[in-house]
Protein backbone atom coordinates (compact mmCIF):
# COMPACT_ATOMS: atom_id res chain seq x y z
CA UNK A 1 -128.43 144.03 11.66
CA UNK A 2 -127.67 146.13 14.72
CA UNK A 3 -127.04 144.57 18.13
CA UNK A 4 -129.93 144.37 20.58
CA UNK A 5 -129.65 147.10 23.24
CA UNK A 6 -128.61 145.72 26.63
CA UNK A 7 -127.38 142.39 25.32
CA UNK A 8 -123.79 141.51 26.27
CA UNK A 9 -121.65 140.78 23.19
CA UNK A 10 -120.73 137.11 22.82
CA UNK A 11 -117.00 137.81 22.71
CA UNK A 12 -117.14 139.41 26.17
CA UNK A 13 -118.93 136.38 27.61
CA UNK A 14 -116.34 134.11 26.02
CA UNK A 15 -113.49 136.20 27.41
CA UNK A 16 -114.92 136.08 30.96
CA UNK A 17 -115.34 132.29 30.67
CA UNK A 18 -111.77 131.99 29.38
CA UNK A 19 -110.39 133.98 32.35
CA UNK A 20 -112.37 131.80 34.78
CA UNK A 21 -111.07 128.63 33.08
CA UNK A 22 -107.46 129.83 33.31
CA UNK A 23 -107.77 130.73 36.98
CA UNK A 24 -109.30 127.35 37.83
CA UNK A 25 -106.85 125.34 35.73
CA UNK A 26 -103.61 126.81 37.11
CA UNK A 27 -102.54 126.63 40.79
CA UNK A 28 -100.66 129.93 40.63
CA UNK A 29 -102.21 133.04 39.05
CA UNK A 30 -101.48 136.73 39.20
CA UNK A 31 -101.75 140.21 37.78
CA UNK A 32 -98.91 142.15 36.14
CA UNK A 33 -98.66 145.66 34.74
CA UNK A 34 -97.06 146.42 31.39
CA UNK A 35 -97.34 150.22 31.20
CA UNK A 36 -94.44 151.57 29.12
CA UNK A 37 -93.32 148.16 27.83
CA UNK A 38 -92.70 148.42 24.06
CA UNK A 39 -94.80 146.08 21.93
CA UNK A 40 -91.77 144.19 20.57
CA UNK A 41 -90.45 143.60 24.10
CA UNK A 42 -93.85 142.39 25.32
CA UNK A 43 -94.18 139.94 22.44
CA UNK A 44 -90.63 138.73 23.02
CA UNK A 45 -91.46 138.07 26.71
CA UNK A 46 -94.52 136.06 25.75
CA UNK A 47 -92.51 133.91 23.34
CA UNK A 48 -89.66 133.29 25.77
CA UNK A 49 -91.97 132.48 28.70
CA UNK A 50 -94.61 130.43 26.86
CA UNK A 51 -93.39 127.13 28.35
CA UNK A 52 -93.31 128.52 31.90
CA UNK A 53 -96.31 130.78 32.16
CA UNK A 54 -99.41 131.93 30.31
CA UNK A 55 -99.65 135.69 29.77
CA UNK A 56 -102.99 137.10 28.63
CA UNK A 57 -103.91 140.78 28.19
CA UNK A 58 -107.48 141.39 29.32
CA UNK A 59 -109.80 144.34 29.82
CA UNK A 60 -110.02 145.46 33.44
CA UNK A 61 -113.81 145.38 33.41
CA UNK A 62 -113.92 141.81 32.11
CA UNK A 63 -111.37 140.66 34.67
CA UNK A 64 -113.54 142.14 37.44
CA UNK A 65 -116.59 140.30 36.10
CA UNK A 66 -114.64 137.02 36.04
CA UNK A 67 -113.38 137.50 39.61
CA UNK A 68 -116.87 138.40 40.83
CA UNK A 69 -118.20 135.23 39.21
CA UNK A 70 -115.42 133.07 40.70
CA UNK A 71 -115.98 134.56 44.15
CA UNK A 72 -114.12 133.36 47.25
CA UNK A 73 -110.42 134.20 47.49
CA UNK A 74 -110.34 135.34 43.86
CA UNK A 75 -112.31 138.49 44.71
CA UNK A 76 -109.33 139.83 46.68
CA UNK A 77 -107.45 140.18 43.38
CA UNK A 78 -109.78 143.02 42.41
CA UNK A 79 -107.76 145.38 44.63
CA UNK A 80 -104.82 145.06 42.23
CA UNK A 81 -106.65 145.89 39.00
CA UNK A 82 -105.52 149.25 37.62
CA UNK A 83 -103.87 150.77 34.57
CA UNK A 84 -102.67 148.42 31.80
CA UNK A 85 -102.63 144.89 33.11
CA UNK A 86 -102.34 141.28 32.04
CA UNK A 87 -103.10 138.07 33.87
CA UNK A 88 -100.47 135.38 34.33
CA UNK A 89 -100.94 131.71 35.13
CA UNK A 90 -98.32 129.10 35.90
CA UNK A 91 -97.49 125.89 37.74
CA UNK A 92 -94.29 127.42 39.11
CA UNK A 93 -93.65 128.29 42.74
CA UNK A 94 -94.69 131.97 43.32
CA UNK A 95 -91.15 132.95 44.29
CA UNK A 96 -89.62 131.37 41.17
CA UNK A 97 -92.37 132.92 39.08
CA UNK A 98 -91.63 136.37 40.51
CA UNK A 99 -87.92 135.90 39.77
CA UNK A 100 -88.78 134.99 36.18
CA UNK A 101 -90.96 138.09 35.83
CA UNK A 102 -88.19 140.29 37.21
CA UNK A 103 -85.80 138.84 34.61
CA UNK A 104 -87.99 140.34 31.87
CA UNK A 105 -86.89 143.84 32.84
CA UNK A 106 -84.20 145.61 30.83
CA UNK A 107 -82.39 148.91 31.51
CA UNK A 108 -84.13 151.84 29.87
CA UNK A 109 -83.58 155.62 29.53
CA UNK A 110 -86.00 158.19 30.87
CA UNK A 111 -88.31 159.78 28.33
CA UNK A 112 -89.07 163.51 28.01
CA UNK A 113 -91.94 164.67 30.27
CA UNK A 114 -91.99 161.31 32.06
CA UNK A 115 -92.30 161.31 35.86
CA UNK A 116 -89.07 159.83 37.14
CA UNK A 117 -89.58 156.93 39.58
CA UNK A 118 -86.01 157.30 40.91
CA UNK A 119 -83.35 159.85 41.76
CA UNK A 120 -80.92 160.09 38.85
CA UNK A 121 -77.32 160.82 39.82
CA UNK A 122 -74.59 161.55 37.27
CA UNK A 123 -71.16 160.73 38.64
CA UNK A 124 -68.11 162.93 38.07
CA UNK A 125 -65.60 161.56 35.59
CA UNK A 126 -64.48 161.48 31.95
CA UNK A 127 -66.75 160.64 29.01
CA UNK A 128 -65.88 159.18 25.62
CA UNK A 129 -66.88 162.36 23.78
CA UNK A 130 -64.33 164.65 22.11
CA UNK A 131 -64.90 168.44 22.21
CA UNK A 132 -67.87 169.55 20.12
CA UNK A 133 -71.49 170.72 20.17
CA UNK A 134 -72.40 167.76 22.37
CA UNK A 135 -70.81 169.65 25.30
CA UNK A 136 -73.59 172.25 25.15
CA UNK A 137 -76.29 169.55 25.09
CA UNK A 138 -74.85 167.91 28.19
CA UNK A 139 -74.59 171.23 29.99
CA UNK A 140 -78.18 172.08 29.01
CA UNK A 141 -79.27 169.03 31.00
CA UNK A 142 -77.87 170.58 34.17
CA UNK A 143 -74.70 168.49 34.13
CA UNK A 144 -71.47 170.43 34.95
CA UNK A 145 -69.27 169.42 32.03
CA UNK A 146 -66.03 170.84 30.65
CA UNK A 147 -63.17 169.93 28.30
CA UNK A 148 -60.01 168.40 29.74
CA UNK A 149 -57.17 166.72 27.85
CA UNK A 150 -59.16 166.49 24.64
CA UNK A 151 -62.29 164.96 26.19
CA UNK A 152 -65.56 166.09 27.72
CA UNK A 153 -65.48 165.54 31.48
CA UNK A 154 -68.26 165.70 34.08
CA UNK A 155 -66.69 167.94 36.73
CA UNK A 156 -68.92 167.16 39.73
CA UNK A 157 -71.38 164.48 40.81
CA UNK A 158 -74.90 165.90 40.48
CA UNK A 159 -78.52 164.77 40.88
CA UNK A 160 -80.21 165.92 37.68
CA UNK A 161 -83.73 164.73 38.51
CA UNK A 162 -85.38 163.44 41.66
CA UNK A 163 -88.04 160.78 42.10
CA UNK A 164 -91.49 162.20 41.39
CA UNK A 165 -90.21 165.05 39.20
CA UNK A 166 -91.08 165.50 35.53
CA UNK A 167 -88.11 164.81 33.28
CA UNK A 168 -87.34 167.86 31.16
CA UNK A 169 -86.61 167.12 27.47
CA UNK A 170 -83.09 168.59 27.72
CA UNK A 171 -82.35 166.38 30.77
CA UNK A 172 -83.64 163.28 28.96
CA UNK A 173 -81.47 164.17 25.96
CA UNK A 174 -78.33 164.62 28.08
CA UNK A 175 -78.86 161.35 29.94
CA UNK A 176 -79.45 159.53 26.68
CA UNK A 177 -76.21 160.94 25.23
CA UNK A 178 -74.33 159.69 28.29
CA UNK A 179 -76.08 156.30 27.92
CA UNK A 180 -77.49 156.52 31.44
CA UNK A 181 -80.44 154.13 31.79
CA UNK A 182 -81.70 154.54 35.35
CA UNK A 183 -84.94 152.57 35.13
CA UNK A 184 -85.94 149.01 34.19
CA UNK A 185 -88.79 148.28 31.82
CA UNK A 186 -90.62 144.96 31.89
CA UNK A 187 -93.57 143.19 33.44
CA UNK A 188 -94.35 144.71 36.84
CA UNK A 189 -95.68 142.18 39.33
CA UNK A 190 -98.72 143.49 41.17
CA UNK A 191 -99.82 140.29 42.93
CA UNK A 192 -99.45 136.52 42.71
CA UNK A 193 -101.93 134.11 44.34
CA UNK A 194 -101.44 130.46 45.31
CA UNK A 195 -104.07 128.46 47.17
CA UNK A 196 -105.87 131.64 48.18
CA UNK A 197 -102.73 133.26 49.61
CA UNK A 198 -101.73 136.63 48.12
CA UNK A 199 -98.08 137.49 47.59
CA UNK A 200 -97.01 141.05 46.78
CA UNK A 201 -93.56 142.06 45.47
CA UNK A 202 -92.55 142.91 49.05
CA UNK A 203 -93.21 139.28 50.02
CA UNK A 204 -91.56 137.79 46.96
CA UNK A 205 -88.38 139.89 46.69
CA UNK A 206 -85.96 137.62 48.55
CA UNK A 207 -82.22 138.22 48.80
CA UNK A 208 -81.13 134.65 48.06
CA UNK A 209 -77.50 135.23 49.03
CA UNK A 210 -78.53 136.67 52.40
CA UNK A 211 -80.97 133.83 53.08
CA UNK A 212 -78.27 131.28 52.21
CA UNK A 213 -75.86 132.98 54.63
CA UNK A 214 -78.52 132.91 57.36
CA UNK A 215 -79.06 129.18 56.81
CA UNK A 216 -75.32 128.53 57.00
CA UNK A 217 -75.05 130.62 60.18
CA UNK A 218 -78.01 128.82 61.76
CA UNK A 219 -76.59 125.41 60.85
CA UNK A 220 -73.21 126.34 62.35
CA UNK A 221 -74.75 127.55 65.61
CA UNK A 222 -76.98 124.47 65.82
CA UNK A 223 -73.94 122.24 65.34
CA UNK A 224 -72.01 124.13 68.04
CA UNK A 225 -74.92 123.80 70.45
CA UNK A 226 -75.32 120.09 69.73
CA UNK A 227 -71.60 119.43 70.20
CA UNK A 228 -71.34 121.43 73.43
CA UNK A 229 -74.46 119.79 74.86
CA UNK A 230 -73.21 116.33 73.75
CA UNK A 231 -76.32 115.76 71.63
CA UNK A 232 -75.58 112.78 69.41
CA UNK A 233 -76.72 112.94 65.78
CA UNK A 234 -75.32 111.67 62.51
CA UNK A 235 -73.65 115.06 61.99
CA UNK A 236 -72.16 115.38 65.50
CA UNK A 237 -71.15 111.78 66.29
CA UNK A 238 -67.68 111.95 64.70
CA UNK A 239 -67.00 115.41 66.19
CA UNK A 240 -68.09 114.29 69.67
CA UNK A 241 -65.85 111.22 69.52
CA UNK A 242 -62.87 113.35 68.47
CA UNK A 243 -63.67 115.91 71.17
CA UNK A 244 -63.99 113.19 73.81
CA UNK A 245 -60.68 111.64 72.73
CA UNK A 246 -58.84 114.97 72.90
CA UNK A 247 -60.35 115.85 76.29
CA UNK A 248 -59.59 112.39 77.69
CA UNK A 249 -56.01 112.59 76.46
CA UNK A 250 -55.53 116.09 77.92
CA UNK A 251 -57.02 114.93 81.24
CA UNK A 252 -54.73 111.92 81.31
CA UNK A 253 -51.69 114.10 80.59
CA UNK A 254 -52.56 116.71 83.20
CA UNK A 255 -53.47 114.07 85.80
CA UNK A 256 -50.36 112.00 84.96
CA UNK A 257 -52.35 108.84 84.31
CA UNK A 258 -49.90 106.14 83.30
CA UNK A 259 -51.35 104.73 80.14
CA UNK A 260 -49.40 103.19 77.27
CA UNK A 261 -50.77 105.65 74.69
CA UNK A 262 -49.49 108.74 76.51
CA UNK A 263 -46.35 107.52 78.27
CA UNK A 264 -44.10 109.12 75.66
CA UNK A 265 -45.86 112.48 76.08
CA UNK A 266 -45.76 112.19 79.89
CA UNK A 267 -42.02 111.57 79.83
CA UNK A 268 -41.44 114.45 77.41
CA UNK A 269 -43.57 116.73 79.57
CA UNK A 270 -41.81 115.68 82.77
CA UNK A 271 -38.40 116.11 81.18
CA UNK A 272 -39.30 119.56 79.86
CA UNK A 273 -40.67 120.63 83.25
CA UNK A 274 -37.56 119.32 84.96
CA UNK A 275 -35.30 121.32 82.65
CA UNK A 276 -37.48 124.40 83.10
CA UNK A 277 -37.21 124.07 86.89
CA UNK A 278 -33.49 123.27 86.81
CA UNK A 279 -32.78 126.38 84.74
CA UNK A 280 -34.16 128.49 87.58
CA UNK A 281 -31.96 126.91 90.29
CA UNK A 282 -28.44 127.91 91.28
CA UNK A 283 -25.55 125.75 90.07
CA UNK A 284 -24.91 124.51 93.62
CA UNK A 285 -28.25 122.67 93.52
CA UNK A 286 -27.41 120.80 90.31
CA UNK A 287 -25.32 117.70 89.70
CA UNK A 288 -22.77 117.49 86.92
CA UNK A 289 -25.16 115.86 84.47
CA UNK A 290 -27.78 118.58 84.91
CA UNK A 291 -25.13 121.29 84.67
CA UNK A 292 -24.04 119.79 81.36
CA UNK A 293 -27.59 119.76 80.05
CA UNK A 294 -28.33 123.25 81.37
CA UNK A 295 -25.22 124.58 79.69
CA UNK A 296 -26.84 123.62 76.38
CA UNK A 297 -28.87 126.83 76.32
CA UNK A 298 -30.95 126.15 73.18
CA UNK A 299 -32.20 122.87 74.65
CA UNK A 300 -33.26 124.53 77.89
CA UNK A 301 -34.93 127.41 76.11
CA UNK A 302 -36.79 124.92 73.96
CA UNK A 303 -37.94 123.05 77.06
CA UNK A 304 -39.11 126.24 78.80
CA UNK A 305 -40.88 127.34 75.64
CA UNK A 306 -42.56 123.96 75.34
CA UNK A 307 -43.92 124.16 78.90
CA UNK A 308 -45.17 127.72 78.40
CA UNK A 309 -46.76 126.87 75.06
CA UNK A 310 -48.50 123.87 76.57
CA UNK A 311 -49.98 126.02 79.36
CA UNK A 312 -51.08 128.64 76.82
CA UNK A 313 -52.67 125.98 74.60
CA UNK A 314 -54.67 124.62 77.53
CA UNK A 315 -55.96 128.11 78.39
CA UNK A 316 -56.85 128.79 74.76
CA UNK A 317 -58.68 125.46 74.46
CA UNK A 318 -60.74 126.22 77.56
CA UNK A 319 -61.56 129.68 76.21
CA UNK A 320 -62.69 128.27 72.84
CA UNK A 321 -64.93 125.70 74.50
CA UNK A 322 -66.57 128.40 76.62
CA UNK A 323 -67.11 130.66 73.58
CA UNK A 324 -68.58 127.79 71.54
CA UNK A 325 -70.97 126.91 74.34
CA UNK A 326 -72.09 130.53 74.71
CA UNK A 327 -72.54 130.88 70.93
CA UNK A 328 -74.67 127.75 70.78
CA UNK A 329 -76.83 128.88 73.70
CA UNK A 330 -77.16 132.35 72.18
CA UNK A 331 -78.47 130.78 68.97
CA UNK A 332 -81.01 128.76 70.93
CA UNK A 333 -82.40 131.64 72.99
CA UNK A 334 -82.15 134.36 70.28
């Protein structure tokens, strides 16, 4: 018995209901393209990802009907329906989901008469091929090759095809021989939606290493600012106490405050300064004991060096404190 004209087939109604159920059941949904993905690779992806996401191939027209029926934020997904697509649904964070989808891609060669999505550059250098007919096939692909020391060598770096150009069969053959796979084939994220918010690949492609470095840099600058402004927190308390101790000790030494903890350093400093001064006076101004000490040249030089080093250390410490303060303030005000 033939179908009644104008009546929607039951399987289409069931498919639309199934799409609506999936979109309502999962907090994160999206649309991916699979143009050019071999069947065996697509099935492998579905098996490997079955515990992390649902992947369902649907007809574009039925997906539009489902989105129209759902209404609200779901309708905005219609703008991403084109070509061969599948819907995905997951409970994963959109950024983790995108990373998982990107991991499905594998290096792939260009096919004859395909439009290249990228510039393909062949670098100069030796190949693993011995002399033979393969040399002509490589040269036919526009690659400057020659024979050197019993091997085929690419003489110069050359761009054999540019993005947007059709890949000639001889170019595809040459690239395949050289095992150059300039593109990645896998599920192509078009959009992911969570709580009505749309995320495109531009939003989701995060350089994790760079973000981590930025967090570390921000944390360092925040710590510097907190320390230099004497802002007490669990992280800065120990540093502030150490800083206060060092500054108090330096102040006591420079102001010659007679405290038990620094008396040894004060005496050493005074003795070194005395020797440094004595070494600059004429012998007539010195008594016999000082002359004896001054005659011990290494000891005097050590004392002079100690005084100079101490002065240099104090200057360097002041400079570091100023730089740290400026760095912290710079982080605060951008």
